[in-house]
Amino acid sequence: MRPALLFAMLLLPLAPTAFGRDTAYQALRTIGAQRSQTDLNNVVEVKGRNGTPQPTSWIIVLNDPAARGGVRELEVAKNRIISERTPVKEYSGQPEGAVLNFAKLNLDSEGAFSVAENEVRNSRLEGFYAADYLLRRGDNGKPIWIIQLLDQDKHTIGSITIAADTGVVLGRTFESTAGKSEWAATGGLKARLINFSEATGRTLRHSGEKIREFWDGQ
């Protein structure tokens, strides 16, 4: 999808939320509807905490050289921008100008959770209760999802990195039962993703269909 078309869709009037808590796409669409295309052109990160499976709110981080810390943060919940702040501390995340390429963004947070949940299930990781989400630009310029897996006490028990354009699992770190970190570098397991169970495949296809319907305003 061309960026200009994507941004035009982001600026369309909001449809009622159909999936419970806002997904990342819905939060971005709120920014487009209530702010401007300029803001969408400057998104460097999208963050959500304690998702069960989706968080109660999303933080959209915008590149803003005029701000004190170099960024501006908008918090979105229930199709509304509920707060705006300019952190005093200098932003230490993405390098300057590392804005997200929405033309490469094909996996919403709902789809990212489905991929992460499948990895957890296949690895028999115990204690998974909630998830922290981070969408940012990867080293190759394409967007990636980093999903932090949390137990009921909000302790991190693992992390999964997913390509946001293809849904491929790029890497994962799980805590073993002995309390040691177990790293599994999956290095772009496209074949593994294609060979998921039929149920997982249906989930991902359904997620993709909902995303396309969402951008089309259906």
N, C-alpha and C. Protein backbone atom coordinates (compact mmCIF):
# COMPACT_ATOMS: atom_id res chain seq x y z
N MET A 1 0.85 -1.20 0.00
CA MET A 1 0.00 0.00 0.00
C MET A 1 0.88 1.24 0.00
N ARG A 2 0.57 2.19 -0.87
CA ARG A 2 1.37 3.40 -0.95
C ARG A 2 1.17 4.25 0.29
N PRO A 3 2.24 4.92 0.79
CA PRO A 3 2.12 5.73 2.01
C PRO A 3 1.03 6.77 1.91
N ALA A 4 0.90 7.45 0.74
CA ALA A 4 -0.10 8.50 0.63
C ALA A 4 -1.50 7.94 0.84
N LEU A 5 -1.77 6.74 0.28
CA LEU A 5 -3.07 6.12 0.45
C LEU A 5 -3.29 5.71 1.89
N LEU A 6 -2.24 5.19 2.52
CA LEU A 6 -2.34 4.77 3.91
C LEU A 6 -2.70 5.95 4.80
N PHE A 7 -2.00 7.08 4.59
CA PHE A 7 -2.28 8.24 5.41
C PHE A 7 -3.68 8.78 5.17
N ALA A 8 -4.15 8.72 3.92
CA ALA A 8 -5.51 9.16 3.63
C ALA A 8 -6.51 8.33 4.40
N MET A 9 -6.25 7.01 4.50
CA MET A 9 -7.14 6.14 5.25
C MET A 9 -7.08 6.45 6.74
N LEU A 10 -5.89 6.80 7.22
CA LEU A 10 -5.75 7.13 8.64
C LEU A 10 -6.56 8.37 8.99
N LEU A 11 -6.76 9.24 8.02
CA LEU A 11 -7.48 10.48 8.28
C LEU A 11 -8.98 10.36 8.12
N LEU A 12 -9.47 9.17 7.73
CA LEU A 12 -10.90 8.95 7.61
C LEU A 12 -11.56 8.98 8.98
N PRO A 13 -12.86 9.27 9.05
CA PRO A 13 -13.55 9.25 10.35
C PRO A 13 -13.43 7.87 11.00
N LEU A 14 -13.36 7.87 12.30
CA LEU A 14 -13.19 6.62 13.03
C LEU A 14 -14.48 5.80 13.04
N ALA A 15 -14.31 4.50 12.83
CA ALA A 15 -15.44 3.58 12.98
C ALA A 15 -15.47 3.11 14.42
N PRO A 16 -16.62 2.67 14.92
CA PRO A 16 -16.68 2.16 16.29
C PRO A 16 -15.74 0.98 16.48
N THR A 17 -15.09 0.93 17.63
CA THR A 17 -14.16 -0.15 17.92
C THR A 17 -14.91 -1.47 17.99
N ALA A 18 -14.39 -2.45 17.23
CA ALA A 18 -15.09 -3.73 17.17
C ALA A 18 -14.36 -4.82 17.92
N PHE A 19 -13.13 -4.54 18.38
CA PHE A 19 -12.31 -5.60 18.95
C PHE A 19 -11.98 -5.35 20.42
N GLY A 20 -12.86 -4.62 21.17
CA GLY A 20 -12.57 -4.38 22.57
C GLY A 20 -11.60 -3.21 22.72
N ARG A 21 -10.51 -3.41 23.45
CA ARG A 21 -9.50 -2.37 23.60
C ARG A 21 -8.87 -2.03 22.25
N ASP A 22 -8.42 -0.79 22.13
CA ASP A 22 -7.79 -0.36 20.88
C ASP A 22 -6.57 -1.20 20.55
N THR A 23 -6.42 -1.53 19.27
CA THR A 23 -5.17 -2.10 18.79
C THR A 23 -4.25 -0.95 18.39
N ALA A 24 -3.02 -1.27 18.03
CA ALA A 24 -2.07 -0.23 17.63
C ALA A 24 -2.56 0.52 16.40
N TYR A 25 -3.14 -0.21 15.42
CA TYR A 25 -3.67 0.43 14.22
C TYR A 25 -4.75 1.44 14.58
N GLN A 26 -5.64 1.06 15.49
CA GLN A 26 -6.71 1.96 15.88
C GLN A 26 -6.17 3.21 16.57
N ALA A 27 -5.13 3.04 17.38
CA ALA A 27 -4.50 4.19 18.04
C ALA A 27 -3.89 5.13 17.00
N LEU A 28 -3.22 4.56 16.00
CA LEU A 28 -2.62 5.39 14.95
C LEU A 28 -3.71 6.11 14.15
N ARG A 29 -4.80 5.41 13.90
CA ARG A 29 -5.89 6.02 13.16
C ARG A 29 -6.51 7.17 13.95
N THR A 30 -6.54 7.05 15.27
CA THR A 30 -7.01 8.13 16.12
C THR A 30 -6.13 9.36 15.95
N ILE A 31 -4.81 9.15 15.91
CA ILE A 31 -3.89 10.27 15.70
C ILE A 31 -4.18 10.94 14.37
N GLY A 32 -4.38 10.12 13.32
CA GLY A 32 -4.67 10.69 12.01
C GLY A 32 -5.97 11.47 11.98
N ALA A 33 -6.97 11.00 12.71
CA ALA A 33 -8.28 11.66 12.70
C ALA A 33 -8.30 12.93 13.55
N GLN A 34 -7.56 12.92 14.67
CA GLN A 34 -7.65 14.02 15.61
C GLN A 34 -6.48 14.98 15.55
N ARG A 35 -5.42 14.61 14.84
CA ARG A 35 -4.27 15.50 14.72
C ARG A 35 -4.01 15.83 13.25
N SER A 36 -2.91 15.31 12.69
CA SER A 36 -2.58 15.66 11.31
C SER A 36 -1.71 14.59 10.68
N GLN A 37 -1.60 14.66 9.36
CA GLN A 37 -0.72 13.75 8.64
C GLN A 37 0.73 13.99 9.02
N THR A 38 1.06 15.23 9.38
CA THR A 38 2.43 15.54 9.80
C THR A 38 2.84 14.69 10.99
N ASP A 39 1.93 14.54 11.95
CA ASP A 39 2.24 13.71 13.11
C ASP A 39 2.48 12.26 12.68
N LEU A 40 1.65 11.74 11.77
CA LEU A 40 1.82 10.36 11.32
C LEU A 40 3.13 10.17 10.58
N ASN A 41 3.61 11.22 9.93
CA ASN A 41 4.88 11.15 9.22
C ASN A 41 6.08 11.11 10.17
N ASN A 42 5.84 11.36 11.45
CA ASN A 42 6.94 11.47 12.41
C ASN A 42 6.87 10.45 13.55
N VAL A 43 6.09 9.38 13.36
CA VAL A 43 5.99 8.35 14.39
C VAL A 43 7.27 7.51 14.41
N VAL A 44 7.92 7.42 15.57
CA VAL A 44 9.13 6.61 15.69
C VAL A 44 8.90 5.35 16.52
N GLU A 45 7.92 5.38 17.42
CA GLU A 45 7.62 4.19 18.22
C GLU A 45 6.14 4.18 18.60
N VAL A 46 5.61 2.97 18.78
CA VAL A 46 4.29 2.76 19.33
C VAL A 46 4.45 1.77 20.48
N LYS A 47 3.99 2.15 21.68
CA LYS A 47 4.22 1.33 22.87
C LYS A 47 2.93 1.08 23.62
N GLY A 48 2.81 -0.11 24.19
CA GLY A 48 1.67 -0.45 25.04
C GLY A 48 2.13 -1.38 26.14
N ARG A 49 1.60 -1.19 27.34
CA ARG A 49 2.04 -1.98 28.49
C ARG A 49 0.89 -2.80 29.06
N ASN A 50 1.28 -3.96 29.62
CA ASN A 50 0.35 -4.83 30.35
C ASN A 50 -0.89 -5.18 29.53
N GLY A 51 -0.69 -5.61 28.30
CA GLY A 51 -1.80 -6.00 27.45
C GLY A 51 -2.35 -7.37 27.82
N THR A 52 -3.69 -7.49 27.88
CA THR A 52 -4.31 -8.77 28.23
C THR A 52 -5.49 -9.12 27.31
N PRO A 53 -5.32 -9.30 26.00
CA PRO A 53 -4.03 -9.21 25.32
C PRO A 53 -3.65 -7.81 24.86
N GLN A 54 -4.64 -6.89 24.66
CA GLN A 54 -4.31 -5.53 24.24
C GLN A 54 -4.22 -4.61 25.45
N PRO A 55 -3.34 -3.61 25.41
CA PRO A 55 -3.21 -2.68 26.54
C PRO A 55 -4.40 -1.73 26.63
N THR A 56 -4.56 -1.09 27.78
CA THR A 56 -5.65 -0.13 27.94
C THR A 56 -5.38 1.17 27.19
N SER A 57 -4.11 1.47 26.93
CA SER A 57 -3.76 2.68 26.18
C SER A 57 -2.47 2.44 25.41
N TRP A 58 -2.23 3.29 24.41
CA TRP A 58 -1.03 3.23 23.59
C TRP A 58 -0.29 4.56 23.69
N ILE A 59 1.04 4.49 23.72
CA ILE A 59 1.88 5.69 23.67
C ILE A 59 2.46 5.78 22.26
N ILE A 60 2.15 6.86 21.56
CA ILE A 60 2.69 7.12 20.23
C ILE A 60 3.81 8.14 20.38
N VAL A 61 5.02 7.75 20.03
CA VAL A 61 6.19 8.62 20.18
C VAL A 61 6.48 9.27 18.82
N LEU A 62 6.49 10.61 18.81
CA LEU A 62 6.71 11.37 17.58
C LEU A 62 8.06 12.05 17.62
N ASN A 63 8.78 12.01 16.52
CA ASN A 63 10.01 12.77 16.38
C ASN A 63 9.67 14.26 16.36
N ASP A 64 10.27 15.04 17.26
CA ASP A 64 9.99 16.47 17.35
C ASP A 64 11.25 17.20 17.81
N PRO A 65 12.09 17.63 16.86
CA PRO A 65 13.35 18.30 17.23
C PRO A 65 13.14 19.54 18.09
N ALA A 66 11.96 20.16 18.01
CA ALA A 66 11.71 21.37 18.80
C ALA A 66 11.38 21.06 20.25
N ALA A 67 11.05 19.81 20.56
CA ALA A 67 10.70 19.44 21.93
C ALA A 67 11.96 19.31 22.78
N ARG A 68 11.80 19.42 24.09
CA ARG A 68 12.95 19.43 24.99
C ARG A 68 13.78 18.16 24.89
N GLY A 69 13.12 17.01 24.83
CA GLY A 69 13.86 15.75 24.75
C GLY A 69 13.97 15.20 23.34
N GLY A 70 13.48 15.96 22.37
CA GLY A 70 13.57 15.53 20.98
C GLY A 70 12.37 14.74 20.48
N VAL A 71 11.43 14.44 21.39
CA VAL A 71 10.23 13.70 21.00
C VAL A 71 9.01 14.27 21.71
N ARG A 72 7.85 13.92 21.17
CA ARG A 72 6.57 14.25 21.78
C ARG A 72 5.81 12.94 21.93
N GLU A 73 5.13 12.74 23.05
CA GLU A 73 4.39 11.51 23.31
C GLU A 73 2.89 11.79 23.42
N LEU A 74 2.13 11.03 22.65
CA LEU A 74 0.67 11.11 22.72
C LEU A 74 0.14 9.80 23.26
N GLU A 75 -0.74 9.87 24.24
CA GLU A 75 -1.35 8.66 24.79
C GLU A 75 -2.77 8.55 24.26
N VAL A 76 -3.10 7.36 23.73
CA VAL A 76 -4.39 7.13 23.09
C VAL A 76 -5.12 5.99 23.79
N ALA A 77 -6.40 6.20 24.08
CA ALA A 77 -7.24 5.15 24.65
C ALA A 77 -8.68 5.41 24.24
N LYS A 78 -9.39 4.35 23.89
CA LYS A 78 -10.81 4.43 23.54
C LYS A 78 -11.07 5.49 22.46
N ASN A 79 -10.23 5.45 21.41
CA ASN A 79 -10.40 6.35 20.27
C ASN A 79 -10.24 7.82 20.64
N ARG A 80 -9.48 8.11 21.68
CA ARG A 80 -9.25 9.50 22.07
C ARG A 80 -7.79 9.69 22.45
N ILE A 81 -7.27 10.87 22.18
CA ILE A 81 -5.96 11.26 22.71
C ILE A 81 -6.20 11.78 24.12
N ILE A 82 -5.71 11.05 25.11
CA ILE A 82 -6.03 11.40 26.50
C ILE A 82 -4.93 12.20 27.18
N SER A 83 -3.72 12.24 26.58
CA SER A 83 -2.66 13.06 27.16
C SER A 83 -1.59 13.32 26.12
N GLU A 84 -0.85 14.40 26.34
CA GLU A 84 0.28 14.76 25.48
C GLU A 84 1.39 15.31 26.37
N ARG A 85 2.60 14.88 26.12
CA ARG A 85 3.72 15.36 26.93
C ARG A 85 5.00 15.41 26.10
N THR A 86 5.92 16.23 26.55
CA THR A 86 7.24 16.32 25.93
C THR A 86 8.26 16.00 27.02
N PRO A 87 8.75 14.76 27.07
CA PRO A 87 9.68 14.36 28.12
C PRO A 87 10.90 15.28 28.18
N VAL A 88 11.31 15.60 29.40
CA VAL A 88 12.49 16.46 29.59
C VAL A 88 13.76 15.70 29.26
N LYS A 89 13.81 14.41 29.66
CA LYS A 89 15.00 13.60 29.41
C LYS A 89 15.16 13.37 27.92
N GLU A 90 16.40 13.50 27.44
CA GLU A 90 16.65 13.31 26.02
C GLU A 90 16.31 11.89 25.60
N TYR A 91 15.60 11.78 24.51
CA TYR A 91 15.15 10.49 24.00
C TYR A 91 16.35 9.65 23.58
N SER A 92 16.38 8.40 24.04
CA SER A 92 17.52 7.52 23.75
C SER A 92 17.12 6.29 22.96
N GLY A 93 15.93 6.34 22.35
CA GLY A 93 15.45 5.19 21.59
C GLY A 93 15.98 5.18 20.18
N GLN A 94 15.11 5.37 19.20
CA GLN A 94 15.50 5.36 17.80
C GLN A 94 16.37 6.57 17.47
N PRO A 95 17.33 6.41 16.54
CA PRO A 95 18.14 7.56 16.13
C PRO A 95 17.27 8.61 15.45
N GLU A 96 17.76 9.83 15.41
CA GLU A 96 17.00 10.93 14.83
C GLU A 96 16.58 10.61 13.39
N GLY A 97 15.33 10.86 13.09
CA GLY A 97 14.84 10.62 11.73
C GLY A 97 14.41 9.20 11.46
N ALA A 98 14.49 8.30 12.47
CA ALA A 98 14.15 6.88 12.25
C ALA A 98 12.65 6.68 12.39
N VAL A 99 11.88 7.27 11.49
CA VAL A 99 10.42 7.17 11.57
C VAL A 99 9.97 5.85 10.99
N LEU A 100 8.79 5.41 11.42
CA LEU A 100 8.24 4.15 10.95
C LEU A 100 7.75 4.26 9.50
N ASN A 101 8.03 3.23 8.73
CA ASN A 101 7.56 3.16 7.35
C ASN A 101 6.24 2.38 7.34
N PHE A 102 5.12 3.10 7.31
CA PHE A 102 3.82 2.45 7.39
C PHE A 102 3.50 1.64 6.14
N ALA A 103 4.18 1.91 5.04
CA ALA A 103 3.96 1.11 3.83
C ALA A 103 4.41 -0.33 4.04
N LYS A 104 5.27 -0.57 5.05
CA LYS A 104 5.78 -1.91 5.34
C LYS A 104 5.08 -2.54 6.53
N LEU A 105 4.11 -1.85 7.10
CA LEU A 105 3.45 -2.35 8.31
C LEU A 105 2.20 -3.15 7.93
N ASN A 106 2.28 -4.47 8.06
CA ASN A 106 1.18 -5.34 7.69
C ASN A 106 0.60 -6.12 8.87
N LEU A 107 1.23 -6.04 10.03
CA LEU A 107 0.81 -6.84 11.18
C LEU A 107 0.42 -5.92 12.32
N ASP A 108 -0.85 -5.91 12.67
CA ASP A 108 -1.33 -5.13 13.79
C ASP A 108 -0.91 -5.81 15.09
N SER A 109 -1.12 -5.12 16.22
CA SER A 109 -0.75 -5.70 17.51
C SER A 109 -1.54 -6.96 17.80
N GLU A 110 -2.76 -7.04 17.28
CA GLU A 110 -3.58 -8.24 17.46
C GLU A 110 -2.92 -9.44 16.78
N GLY A 111 -2.42 -9.23 15.54
CA GLY A 111 -1.72 -10.30 14.83
C GLY A 111 -0.40 -10.64 15.47
N ALA A 112 0.32 -9.62 15.98
CA ALA A 112 1.59 -9.86 16.64
C ALA A 112 1.40 -10.72 17.89
N PHE A 113 0.30 -10.46 18.61
CA PHE A 113 0.02 -11.28 19.79
C PHE A 113 -0.25 -12.73 19.39
N SER A 114 -0.96 -12.94 18.29
CA SER A 114 -1.24 -14.30 17.83
C SER A 114 0.04 -15.06 17.53
N VAL A 115 1.00 -14.38 16.88
CA VAL A 115 2.29 -15.02 16.58
C VAL A 115 3.03 -15.33 17.88
N ALA A 116 3.06 -14.36 18.81
CA ALA A 116 3.76 -14.57 20.07
C ALA A 116 3.12 -15.69 20.88
N GLU A 117 1.80 -15.72 20.89
CA GLU A 117 1.08 -16.76 21.64
C GLU A 117 1.40 -18.15 21.08
N ASN A 118 1.52 -18.25 19.78
CA ASN A 118 1.86 -19.53 19.16
C ASN A 118 3.27 -19.97 19.56
N GLU A 119 4.22 -19.02 19.62
CA GLU A 119 5.57 -19.34 20.05
C GLU A 119 5.59 -19.83 21.49
N VAL A 120 4.82 -19.16 22.33
CA VAL A 120 4.74 -19.56 23.74
C VAL A 120 4.17 -20.97 23.86
N ARG A 121 3.11 -21.23 23.11
CA ARG A 121 2.47 -22.54 23.16
C ARG A 121 3.43 -23.64 22.70
N ASN A 122 4.11 -23.40 21.59
CA ASN A 122 5.04 -24.41 21.06
C ASN A 122 6.23 -24.64 21.98
N SER A 123 6.62 -23.61 22.72
CA SER A 123 7.78 -23.72 23.61
C SER A 123 7.40 -24.16 25.02
N ARG A 124 6.10 -24.30 25.27
CA ARG A 124 5.60 -24.73 26.58
C ARG A 124 6.08 -23.81 27.71
N LEU A 125 6.15 -22.52 27.41
CA LEU A 125 6.52 -21.55 28.43
C LEU A 125 5.36 -21.38 29.40
N GLU A 126 5.64 -21.49 30.69
CA GLU A 126 4.60 -21.38 31.70
C GLU A 126 4.58 -19.99 32.34
N GLY A 127 3.42 -19.58 32.79
CA GLY A 127 3.30 -18.34 33.54
C GLY A 127 3.01 -17.11 32.71
N PHE A 128 2.79 -17.27 31.39
CA PHE A 128 2.51 -16.12 30.53
C PHE A 128 1.13 -15.56 30.85
N TYR A 129 1.10 -14.26 31.22
CA TYR A 129 -0.15 -13.65 31.67
C TYR A 129 -0.50 -12.38 30.89
N ALA A 130 0.50 -11.57 30.54
CA ALA A 130 0.27 -10.30 29.85
C ALA A 130 1.45 -9.99 28.95
N ALA A 131 1.33 -8.91 28.16
CA ALA A 131 2.38 -8.57 27.20
C ALA A 131 2.59 -7.07 27.12
N ASP A 132 3.86 -6.67 27.04
CA ASP A 132 4.24 -5.30 26.69
C ASP A 132 4.57 -5.27 25.20
N TYR A 133 4.12 -4.23 24.50
CA TYR A 133 4.31 -4.12 23.06
C TYR A 133 5.24 -2.95 22.73
N LEU A 134 6.10 -3.14 21.75
CA LEU A 134 6.91 -2.05 21.20
C LEU A 134 7.01 -2.24 19.69
N LEU A 135 6.54 -1.25 18.94
CA LEU A 135 6.67 -1.24 17.49
C LEU A 135 7.68 -0.16 17.13
N ARG A 136 8.75 -0.54 16.44
CA ARG A 136 9.77 0.43 16.05
C ARG A 136 10.43 -0.02 14.75
N ARG A 137 11.33 0.79 14.26
CA ARG A 137 12.04 0.44 13.04
C ARG A 137 13.19 -0.50 13.36
N GLY A 138 13.33 -1.56 12.56
CA GLY A 138 14.43 -2.49 12.74
C GLY A 138 15.68 -2.00 12.05
N ASP A 139 16.75 -2.77 12.20
CA ASP A 139 18.04 -2.38 11.63
C ASP A 139 18.00 -2.29 10.11
N ASN A 140 17.09 -3.06 9.49
CA ASN A 140 16.98 -3.04 8.03
C ASN A 140 15.99 -1.99 7.53
N GLY A 141 15.50 -1.15 8.43
CA GLY A 141 14.58 -0.09 8.05
C GLY A 141 13.12 -0.49 8.06
N LYS A 142 12.84 -1.79 8.21
CA LYS A 142 11.46 -2.27 8.24
C LYS A 142 10.97 -2.33 9.69
N PRO A 143 9.67 -2.19 9.90
CA PRO A 143 9.14 -2.18 11.28
C PRO A 143 9.19 -3.56 11.92
N ILE A 144 9.42 -3.59 13.21
CA ILE A 144 9.41 -4.84 13.97
C ILE A 144 8.58 -4.66 15.23
N TRP A 145 7.98 -5.77 15.65
CA TRP A 145 7.32 -5.84 16.95
C TRP A 145 8.24 -6.52 17.94
N ILE A 146 8.39 -5.94 19.12
CA ILE A 146 9.08 -6.59 20.23
C ILE A 146 8.05 -6.81 21.33
N ILE A 147 7.75 -8.07 21.60
CA ILE A 147 6.73 -8.43 22.59
C ILE A 147 7.42 -8.96 23.84
N GLN A 148 7.27 -8.25 24.95
CA GLN A 148 7.79 -8.70 26.23
C GLN A 148 6.70 -9.51 26.93
N LEU A 149 7.02 -10.74 27.29
CA LEU A 149 6.05 -11.63 27.95
C LEU A 149 6.15 -11.45 29.46
N LEU A 150 5.02 -11.26 30.11
CA LEU A 150 4.98 -10.99 31.55
C LEU A 150 4.20 -12.06 32.28
N ASP A 151 4.62 -12.33 33.53
CA ASP A 151 3.83 -13.22 34.37
C ASP A 151 2.81 -12.39 35.15
N GLN A 152 2.07 -13.03 36.05
CA GLN A 152 1.00 -12.34 36.75
C GLN A 152 1.52 -11.24 37.66
N ASP A 153 2.79 -11.33 38.07
CA ASP A 153 3.39 -10.29 38.90
C ASP A 153 4.09 -9.21 38.09
N LYS A 154 3.87 -9.23 36.75
CA LYS A 154 4.44 -8.25 35.82
C LYS A 154 5.95 -8.39 35.68
N HIS A 155 6.49 -9.57 35.96
CA HIS A 155 7.91 -9.85 35.73
C HIS A 155 8.10 -10.39 34.32
N THR A 156 9.17 -9.98 33.67
CA THR A 156 9.44 -10.44 32.31
C THR A 156 9.92 -11.89 32.33
N ILE A 157 9.24 -12.73 31.53
CA ILE A 157 9.64 -14.14 31.45
C ILE A 157 10.08 -14.51 30.03
N GLY A 158 10.07 -13.52 29.14
CA GLY A 158 10.53 -13.80 27.79
C GLY A 158 10.32 -12.62 26.87
N SER A 159 10.88 -12.71 25.67
CA SER A 159 10.76 -11.65 24.67
C SER A 159 10.75 -12.28 23.28
N ILE A 160 9.89 -11.77 22.41
CA ILE A 160 9.80 -12.27 21.04
C ILE A 160 9.85 -11.08 20.08
N THR A 161 10.70 -11.18 19.07
CA THR A 161 10.83 -10.14 18.05
C THR A 161 10.21 -10.65 16.75
N ILE A 162 9.31 -9.87 16.17
CA ILE A 162 8.53 -10.29 15.00
C ILE A 162 8.63 -9.24 13.91
N ALA A 163 8.88 -9.66 12.68
CA ALA A 163 8.86 -8.74 11.55
C ALA A 163 7.43 -8.25 11.32
N ALA A 164 7.21 -6.94 11.35
CA ALA A 164 5.86 -6.40 11.25
C ALA A 164 5.37 -6.33 9.81
N ASP A 165 6.23 -6.67 8.86
CA ASP A 165 5.78 -6.70 7.46
C ASP A 165 5.38 -8.10 7.02
N THR A 166 6.00 -9.14 7.61
CA THR A 166 5.75 -10.52 7.17
C THR A 166 5.19 -11.42 8.26
N GLY A 167 5.33 -11.04 9.53
CA GLY A 167 4.92 -11.92 10.62
C GLY A 167 5.95 -12.96 10.98
N VAL A 168 7.13 -12.90 10.37
CA VAL A 168 8.18 -13.88 10.66
C VAL A 168 8.79 -13.60 12.03
N VAL A 169 9.01 -14.66 12.81
CA VAL A 169 9.66 -14.54 14.11
C VAL A 169 11.17 -14.41 13.88
N LEU A 170 11.73 -13.29 14.32
CA LEU A 170 13.15 -13.01 14.10
C LEU A 170 14.03 -13.50 15.24
N GLY A 171 13.46 -13.63 16.42
CA GLY A 171 14.23 -14.10 17.56
C GLY A 171 13.39 -14.14 18.81
N ARG A 172 13.88 -14.87 19.82
CA ARG A 172 13.13 -14.95 21.06
C ARG A 172 14.07 -15.24 22.21
N THR A 173 13.69 -14.81 23.38
CA THR A 173 14.41 -15.13 24.62
C THR A 173 13.37 -15.56 25.63
N PHE A 174 13.48 -16.78 26.14
CA PHE A 174 12.57 -17.29 27.15
C PHE A 174 13.35 -17.62 28.42
N GLU A 175 12.71 -17.40 29.56
CA GLU A 175 13.30 -17.80 30.82
C GLU A 175 13.04 -19.29 31.04
N SER A 176 14.10 -20.03 31.30
CA SER A 176 13.94 -21.46 31.54
C SER A 176 13.43 -21.68 32.96
N THR A 177 13.03 -22.89 33.24
CA THR A 177 12.51 -23.21 34.58
C THR A 177 13.60 -23.06 35.62
N ALA A 178 14.86 -23.12 35.21
CA ALA A 178 15.97 -22.95 36.16
C ALA A 178 16.29 -21.49 36.39
N GLY A 179 15.56 -20.59 35.73
CA GLY A 179 15.77 -19.17 35.94
C GLY A 179 16.84 -18.59 35.04
N LYS A 180 17.36 -19.35 34.10
CA LYS A 180 18.36 -18.86 33.18
C LYS A 180 17.71 -18.51 31.84
N SER A 181 18.30 -17.54 31.15
CA SER A 181 17.75 -17.14 29.86
C SER A 181 18.14 -18.13 28.79
N GLU A 182 17.15 -18.51 27.99
CA GLU A 182 17.38 -19.41 26.87
C GLU A 182 17.14 -18.63 25.59
N TRP A 183 18.18 -18.46 24.76
CA TRP A 183 18.07 -17.68 23.53
C TRP A 183 17.88 -18.61 22.35
N ALA A 184 16.90 -18.30 21.53
CA ALA A 184 16.70 -19.06 20.30
C ALA A 184 16.66 -18.07 19.15
N ALA A 185 17.73 -18.00 18.37
CA ALA A 185 17.79 -17.09 17.23
C ALA A 185 17.13 -17.77 16.04
N THR A 186 15.96 -17.29 15.69
CA THR A 186 15.22 -17.95 14.63
C THR A 186 15.61 -17.43 13.25
N GLY A 187 16.23 -16.25 13.17
CA GLY A 187 16.83 -15.76 11.95
C GLY A 187 15.91 -15.73 10.74
N GLY A 188 14.66 -15.43 10.92
CA GLY A 188 13.76 -15.34 9.78
C GLY A 188 13.21 -16.69 9.37
N LEU A 189 12.49 -17.32 10.25
CA LEU A 189 11.98 -18.67 9.97
C LEU A 189 10.70 -18.59 9.15
N LYS A 190 10.84 -18.17 7.90
CA LYS A 190 9.66 -18.03 7.06
C LYS A 190 8.98 -19.37 6.83
N ALA A 191 9.80 -20.39 6.62
CA ALA A 191 9.22 -21.71 6.38
C ALA A 191 8.44 -22.17 7.59
N ARG A 192 8.97 -21.89 8.78
CA ARG A 192 8.28 -22.30 9.99
C ARG A 192 6.95 -21.57 10.13
N LEU A 193 6.96 -20.28 9.78
CA LEU A 193 5.72 -19.51 9.87
C LEU A 193 4.68 -20.08 8.91
N ILE A 194 5.10 -20.40 7.69
CA ILE A 194 4.17 -20.94 6.71
C ILE A 194 3.62 -22.28 7.16
N ASN A 195 4.45 -23.05 7.90
CA ASN A 195 4.04 -24.39 8.32
C ASN A 195 3.39 -24.41 9.70
N PHE A 196 2.92 -23.25 10.18
CA PHE A 196 2.16 -23.23 11.43
C PHE A 196 0.96 -24.16 11.31
N SER A 197 0.38 -24.47 12.43
CA SER A 197 -0.84 -25.28 12.42
C SER A 197 -1.94 -24.55 11.66
N GLU A 198 -2.93 -25.31 11.20
CA GLU A 198 -4.03 -24.70 10.44
C GLU A 198 -4.75 -23.64 11.27
N ALA A 199 -4.90 -23.90 12.55
CA ALA A 199 -5.60 -22.94 13.40
C ALA A 199 -4.86 -21.62 13.46
N THR A 200 -3.51 -21.67 13.62
CA THR A 200 -2.72 -20.46 13.67
C THR A 200 -2.76 -19.75 12.33
N GLY A 201 -2.68 -20.53 11.25
CA GLY A 201 -2.75 -19.94 9.92
C GLY A 201 -4.04 -19.20 9.70
N ARG A 202 -5.15 -19.78 10.16
CA ARG A 202 -6.45 -19.12 10.04
C ARG A 202 -6.48 -17.83 10.84
N THR A 203 -5.85 -17.86 12.05
CA THR A 203 -5.83 -16.67 12.89
C THR A 203 -5.10 -15.54 12.20
N LEU A 204 -3.93 -15.84 11.61
CA LEU A 204 -3.16 -14.81 10.95
C LEU A 204 -3.87 -14.29 9.70
N ARG A 205 -4.49 -15.19 8.93
CA ARG A 205 -5.21 -14.74 7.74
C ARG A 205 -6.40 -13.86 8.13
N HIS A 206 -7.09 -14.28 9.21
CA HIS A 206 -8.23 -13.50 9.68
C HIS A 206 -7.78 -12.13 10.15
N SER A 207 -6.62 -12.07 10.84
CA SER A 207 -6.07 -10.80 11.29
C SER A 207 -5.77 -9.90 10.10
N GLY A 208 -5.16 -10.47 9.06
CA GLY A 208 -4.86 -9.69 7.87
C GLY A 208 -6.10 -9.16 7.19
N GLU A 209 -7.15 -10.00 7.14
CA GLU A 209 -8.41 -9.56 6.53
C GLU A 209 -9.02 -8.42 7.32
N LYS A 210 -8.96 -8.50 8.66
CA LYS A 210 -9.53 -7.44 9.49
C LYS A 210 -8.76 -6.15 9.31
N ILE A 211 -7.42 -6.25 9.16
CA ILE A 211 -6.61 -5.05 8.95
C ILE A 211 -7.00 -4.38 7.64
N ARG A 212 -7.15 -5.18 6.58
CA ARG A 212 -7.51 -4.59 5.29
C ARG A 212 -8.89 -3.95 5.36
N GLU A 213 -9.84 -4.63 6.04
CA GLU A 213 -11.17 -4.05 6.20
C GLU A 213 -11.10 -2.76 7.01
N PHE A 214 -10.22 -2.77 8.02
CA PHE A 214 -10.10 -1.61 8.90
C PHE A 214 -9.62 -0.38 8.13
N TRP A 215 -8.57 -0.56 7.30
CA TRP A 215 -8.05 0.57 6.53
C TRP A 215 -9.06 1.01 5.47
N ASP A 216 -9.85 0.08 4.97
CA ASP A 216 -10.84 0.42 3.96
C ASP A 216 -12.09 1.05 4.56
N GLY A 217 -12.12 1.14 5.89
CA GLY A 217 -13.25 1.78 6.56
C GLY A 217 -14.50 0.94 6.58
N GLN A 218 -14.37 -0.39 6.45
CA GLN A 218 -15.52 -1.27 6.43
C GLN A 218 -15.86 -1.72 7.85
